[in-house]
C-alpha cells in the first residue's frame, strides 16, 4: 500500500507528468522517421509502435528475415527478446539518441540487403515458405 501511495503521489507531480506529455506524438514521429528512412533506401522492413514499444515488420516474404536481429546486434542494437522483433525504448531517449538508432537500424538493414539475404521472387509468399519448411522438416524426420 505504501508503494502504491508513493507511486500515485509521484504520478500527480508536474515533473513526473512532464515525461508523459506528448509521448505518443514523439514516438509516433520517430517511428515515421525510421520508416521513411527504410523506405527511402528501398529496404523491405518497417516498424510499428505503441508509444515506445516497437515491433519489426517485413514487407517482402523471405525465409531469412529473422537474420535481421544479428545484423542489428552487429550495429549495437538488441531486440528486447531474441526472435520477437520487439524493441522497448527508454522514455528518456533524446532526439539525438534516436537519430543514432535510426542510423544503426538502416545500416544493419542495408548490410543485410547487400549480403543478399533479401531478394525478391514474384512467386514467393509467406505461405509457400512455411509449407516448404514443413516439407523439409518432415523429410528430415523420415530420414532418421
C-alpha atoms as a PDB file:
ATOM      1  CA  UNK A   1       0.000   0.000   0.000  1.00  0.00           C
ATOM      2  CA  UNK A   2       2.855   2.363   0.799  1.00  0.00           C
ATOM      3  CA  UNK A   3       4.477   1.719  -2.564  1.00  0.00           C
ATOM      4  CA  UNK A   4       1.191   2.380  -4.384  1.00  0.00           C
ATOM      5  CA  UNK A   5       0.652   5.556  -2.375  1.00  0.00           C
ATOM      6  CA  UNK A   6       4.164   6.737  -3.313  1.00  0.00           C
ATOM      7  CA  UNK A   7       3.551   5.919  -6.974  1.00  0.00           C
ATOM      8  CA  UNK A   8       0.242   7.803  -7.058  1.00  0.00           C
ATOM      9  CA  UNK A   9       1.816  10.780  -5.284  1.00  0.00           C
ATOM     10  CA  UNK A  10       4.619  10.914  -7.860  1.00  0.00           C
ATOM     11  CA  UNK A  11       2.167  10.411 -10.700  1.00  0.00           C
ATOM     12  CA  UNK A  12       0.401  13.597  -9.654  1.00  0.00           C
ATOM     13  CA  UNK A  13       3.604  15.661  -9.596  1.00  0.00           C
ATOM     14  CA  UNK A  14       4.295  18.050 -12.507  1.00  0.00           C
ATOM     15  CA  UNK A  15       7.835  16.716 -13.041  1.00  0.00           C
ATOM     16  CA  UNK A  16       6.570  13.172 -13.419  1.00  0.00           C
ATOM     17  CA  UNK A  17       3.731  14.213 -15.748  1.00  0.00           C
ATOM     18  CA  UNK A  18       6.148  16.139 -17.967  1.00  0.00           C
ATOM     19  CA  UNK A  19       7.667  12.835 -19.085  1.00  0.00           C
ATOM     20  CA  UNK A  20       4.293  11.723 -20.472  1.00  0.00           C
ATOM     21  CA  UNK A  21       3.227  14.976 -22.161  1.00  0.00           C
ATOM     22  CA  UNK A  22       3.386  14.477 -25.933  1.00  0.00           C
ATOM     23  CA  UNK A  23       4.786  10.977 -25.514  1.00  0.00           C
ATOM     24  CA  UNK A  24       2.688   9.341 -28.247  1.00  0.00           C
ATOM     25  CA  UNK A  25       3.357  12.144 -30.722  1.00  0.00           C
ATOM     26  CA  UNK A  26       7.095  11.899 -30.078  1.00  0.00           C
ATOM     27  CA  UNK A  27       7.310   8.128 -30.547  1.00  0.00           C
ATOM     28  CA  UNK A  28       4.886   8.066 -33.481  1.00  0.00           C
ATOM     29  CA  UNK A  29       7.068  10.685 -35.171  1.00  0.00           C
ATOM     30  CA  UNK A  30      10.191   8.650 -34.507  1.00  0.00           C
ATOM     31  CA  UNK A  31       8.600   5.522 -35.978  1.00  0.00           C
ATOM     32  CA  UNK A  32       7.544   7.515 -39.030  1.00  0.00           C
ATOM     33  CA  UNK A  33      11.089   8.898 -39.345  1.00  0.00           C
ATOM     34  CA  UNK A  34      12.628   5.418 -39.260  1.00  0.00           C
ATOM     35  CA  UNK A  35      10.063   4.025 -41.704  1.00  0.00           C
ATOM     36  CA  UNK A  36      10.728   6.917 -44.099  1.00  0.00           C
ATOM     37  CA  UNK A  37      14.450   6.190 -43.920  1.00  0.00           C
ATOM     38  CA  UNK A  38      13.905   2.484 -44.592  1.00  0.00           C
ATOM     39  CA  UNK A  39      11.549   3.196 -47.497  1.00  0.00           C
ATOM     40  CA  UNK A  40      13.998   5.725 -48.920  1.00  0.00           C
ATOM     41  CA  UNK A  41      16.669   3.009 -49.028  1.00  0.00           C
ATOM     42  CA  UNK A  42      14.182   0.525 -50.550  1.00  0.00           C
ATOM     43  CA  UNK A  43      14.539  -1.862 -47.624  1.00  0.00           C
ATOM     44  CA  UNK A  44      11.800  -4.477 -47.003  1.00  0.00           C
ATOM     45  CA  UNK A  45      11.369  -3.749 -43.318  1.00  0.00           C
ATOM     46  CA  UNK A  46       9.195  -1.341 -41.330  1.00  0.00           C
ATOM     47  CA  UNK A  47       8.324  -0.725 -37.695  1.00  0.00           C
ATOM     48  CA  UNK A  48       5.009  -0.296 -35.928  1.00  0.00           C
ATOM     49  CA  UNK A  49       4.794   1.189 -32.484  1.00  0.00           C
ATOM     50  CA  UNK A  50       2.649   1.607 -29.446  1.00  0.00           C
ATOM     51  CA  UNK A  51       4.426   4.537 -27.868  1.00  0.00           C
ATOM     52  CA  UNK A  52       7.979   3.364 -27.104  1.00  0.00           C
ATOM     53  CA  UNK A  53       7.298  -0.347 -27.678  1.00  0.00           C
ATOM     54  CA  UNK A  54       8.092  -1.248 -31.270  1.00  0.00           C
ATOM     55  CA  UNK A  55       7.600  -4.274 -33.494  1.00  0.00           C
ATOM     56  CA  UNK A  56       9.562  -5.017 -36.663  1.00  0.00           C
ATOM     57  CA  UNK A  57       7.545  -5.993 -39.765  1.00  0.00           C
ATOM     58  CA  UNK A  58       8.748  -7.186 -43.150  1.00  0.00           C
ATOM     59  CA  UNK A  59       7.210  -6.003 -46.406  1.00  0.00           C
ATOM     60  CA  UNK A  60       8.609  -8.870 -48.508  1.00  0.00           C
ATOM     61  CA  UNK A  61       8.271 -12.581 -47.797  1.00  0.00           C
ATOM     62  CA  UNK A  62      11.613 -14.178 -47.031  1.00  0.00           C
ATOM     63  CA  UNK A  63      12.847 -17.233 -45.306  1.00  0.00           C
ATOM     64  CA  UNK A  64      15.689 -15.210 -43.814  1.00  0.00           C
ATOM     65  CA  UNK A  65      14.009 -12.116 -42.333  1.00  0.00           C
ATOM     66  CA  UNK A  66      14.817 -13.389 -38.836  1.00  0.00           C
ATOM     67  CA  UNK A  67      18.512 -12.775 -39.538  1.00  0.00           C
ATOM     68  CA  UNK A  68      17.986  -9.025 -39.188  1.00  0.00           C
ATOM     69  CA  UNK A  69      18.360  -9.459 -35.418  1.00  0.00           C
ATOM     70  CA  UNK A  70      22.017 -10.452 -35.940  1.00  0.00           C
ATOM     71  CA  UNK A  71      22.721  -7.513 -38.223  1.00  0.00           C
ATOM     72  CA  UNK A  72      21.091  -5.209 -35.666  1.00  0.00           C
ATOM     73  CA  UNK A  73      23.245  -6.658 -32.895  1.00  0.00           C
ATOM     74  CA  UNK A  74      26.369  -6.094 -35.011  1.00  0.00           C
ATOM     75  CA  UNK A  75      25.341  -2.412 -35.142  1.00  0.00           C
ATOM     76  CA  UNK A  76      24.836  -2.303 -31.372  1.00  0.00           C
ATOM     77  CA  UNK A  77      21.044  -2.681 -31.271  1.00  0.00           C
ATOM     78  CA  UNK A  78      19.410  -5.591 -29.488  1.00  0.00           C
ATOM     79  CA  UNK A  79      15.823  -6.764 -29.676  1.00  0.00           C
ATOM     80  CA  UNK A  80      14.053  -6.967 -26.326  1.00  0.00           C
ATOM     81  CA  UNK A  81      13.616 -10.712 -26.633  1.00  0.00           C
ATOM     82  CA  UNK A  82      15.562 -12.522 -29.318  1.00  0.00           C
ATOM     83  CA  UNK A  83      13.324 -13.604 -32.160  1.00  0.00           C
ATOM     84  CA  UNK A  84      10.322 -11.467 -31.263  1.00  0.00           C
ATOM     85  CA  UNK A  85      11.080  -8.460 -33.424  1.00  0.00           C
ATOM     86  CA  UNK A  86      10.439  -6.113 -30.489  1.00  0.00           C
ATOM     87  CA  UNK A  87      12.255  -3.052 -29.232  1.00  0.00           C
ATOM     88  CA  UNK A  88      11.401  -1.345 -25.966  1.00  0.00           C
ATOM     89  CA  UNK A  89      12.886   2.111 -25.674  1.00  0.00           C
ATOM     90  CA  UNK A  90      13.512   4.078 -22.517  1.00  0.00           C
ATOM     91  CA  UNK A  91      11.301   7.152 -22.270  1.00  0.00           C
ATOM     92  CA  UNK A  92      14.308   9.380 -21.754  1.00  0.00           C
ATOM     93  CA  UNK A  93      15.706   8.887 -25.284  1.00  0.00           C
ATOM     94  CA  UNK A  94      16.594  12.239 -26.805  1.00  0.00           C
ATOM     95  CA  UNK A  95      16.171  13.114 -30.455  1.00  0.00           C
ATOM     96  CA  UNK A  96      19.956  12.746 -30.843  1.00  0.00           C
ATOM     97  CA  UNK A  97      19.815   9.276 -29.243  1.00  0.00           C
ATOM     98  CA  UNK A  98      17.063   8.265 -31.593  1.00  0.00           C
ATOM     99  CA  UNK A  99      18.850   9.652 -34.652  1.00  0.00           C
ATOM    100  CA  UNK A 100      21.669   7.241 -33.802  1.00  0.00           C
ATOM    101  CA  UNK A 101      19.178   4.350 -33.522  1.00  0.00           C
ATOM    102  CA  UNK A 102      17.737   5.258 -36.937  1.00  0.00           C
ATOM    103  CA  UNK A 103      21.221   5.347 -38.459  1.00  0.00           C
ATOM    104  CA  UNK A 104      22.211   1.999 -36.960  1.00  0.00           C
ATOM    105  CA  UNK A 105      18.939   0.287 -37.886  1.00  0.00           C
ATOM    106  CA  UNK A 106      19.139   1.470 -41.502  1.00  0.00           C
ATOM    107  CA  UNK A 107      22.814   0.447 -41.683  1.00  0.00           C
ATOM    108  CA  UNK A 108      22.011  -3.049 -40.401  1.00  0.00           C
ATOM    109  CA  UNK A 109      19.176  -3.463 -42.916  1.00  0.00           C
ATOM    110  CA  UNK A 110      21.341  -2.160 -45.773  1.00  0.00           C
ATOM    111  CA  UNK A 111      24.136  -4.593 -44.900  1.00  0.00           C
ATOM    112  CA  UNK A 112      21.682  -7.468 -44.809  1.00  0.00           C
ATOM    113  CA  UNK A 113      20.399  -6.456 -48.240  1.00  0.00           C
ATOM    114  CA  UNK A 114      23.951  -6.088 -49.607  1.00  0.00           C
ATOM    115  CA  UNK A 115      24.798  -9.553 -48.314  1.00  0.00           C
ATOM    116  CA  UNK A 116      21.957 -10.938 -50.438  1.00  0.00           C
ATOM    117  CA  UNK A 117      19.550 -12.079 -47.744  1.00  0.00           C
ATOM    118  CA  UNK A 118      16.689 -10.017 -49.147  1.00  0.00           C
ATOM    119  CA  UNK A 119      15.842 -10.811 -52.719  1.00  0.00           C
ATOM    120  CA  UNK A 120      12.509 -10.735 -54.484  1.00  0.00           C
ATOM    121  CA  UNK A 121      10.795 -13.668 -56.135  1.00  0.00           C
ATOM    122  CA  UNK A 122       7.337 -12.924 -57.545  1.00  0.00           C
ATOM    123  CA  UNK A 123       6.027 -16.399 -56.632  1.00  0.00           C
ATOM    124  CA  UNK A 124       7.434 -16.371 -53.089  1.00  0.00           C
ATOM    125  CA  UNK A 125       4.810 -15.963 -50.374  1.00  0.00           C
ATOM    126  CA  UNK A 126       4.915 -16.477 -46.625  1.00  0.00           C
ATOM    127  CA  UNK A 127       2.514 -19.386 -47.046  1.00  0.00           C
ATOM    128  CA  UNK A 128       4.803 -21.097 -49.576  1.00  0.00           C
ATOM    129  CA  UNK A 129       7.791 -20.529 -47.304  1.00  0.00           C
ATOM    130  CA  UNK A 130       6.002 -22.138 -44.353  1.00  0.00           C
ATOM    131  CA  UNK A 131       4.927 -25.114 -46.473  1.00  0.00           C
ATOM    132  CA  UNK A 132       8.455 -25.627 -47.808  1.00  0.00           C
ATOM    133  CA  UNK A 133       9.935 -25.548 -44.308  1.00  0.00           C
ATOM    134  CA  UNK A 134       7.303 -28.020 -43.096  1.00  0.00           C
ATOM    135  CA  UNK A 135       8.108 -30.363 -46.001  1.00  0.00           C
ATOM    136  CA  UNK A 136      11.809 -30.138 -45.177  1.00  0.00           C
ATOM    137  CA  UNK A 137      11.144 -30.919 -41.515  1.00  0.00           C
ATOM    138  CA  UNK A 138       9.007 -33.954 -42.391  1.00  0.00           C
ATOM    139  CA  UNK A 139      11.571 -35.183 -44.932  1.00  0.00           C
ATOM    140  CA  UNK A 140      14.418 -34.913 -42.416  1.00  0.00           C
ATOM    141  CA  UNK A 141      12.387 -36.684 -39.741  1.00  0.00           C
ATOM    142  CA  UNK A 142      11.707 -39.586 -42.126  1.00  0.00           C
ATOM    143  CA  UNK A 143      15.428 -39.851 -42.923  1.00  0.00           C
ATOM    144  CA  UNK A 144      16.319 -40.506 -39.266  1.00  0.00           C
END
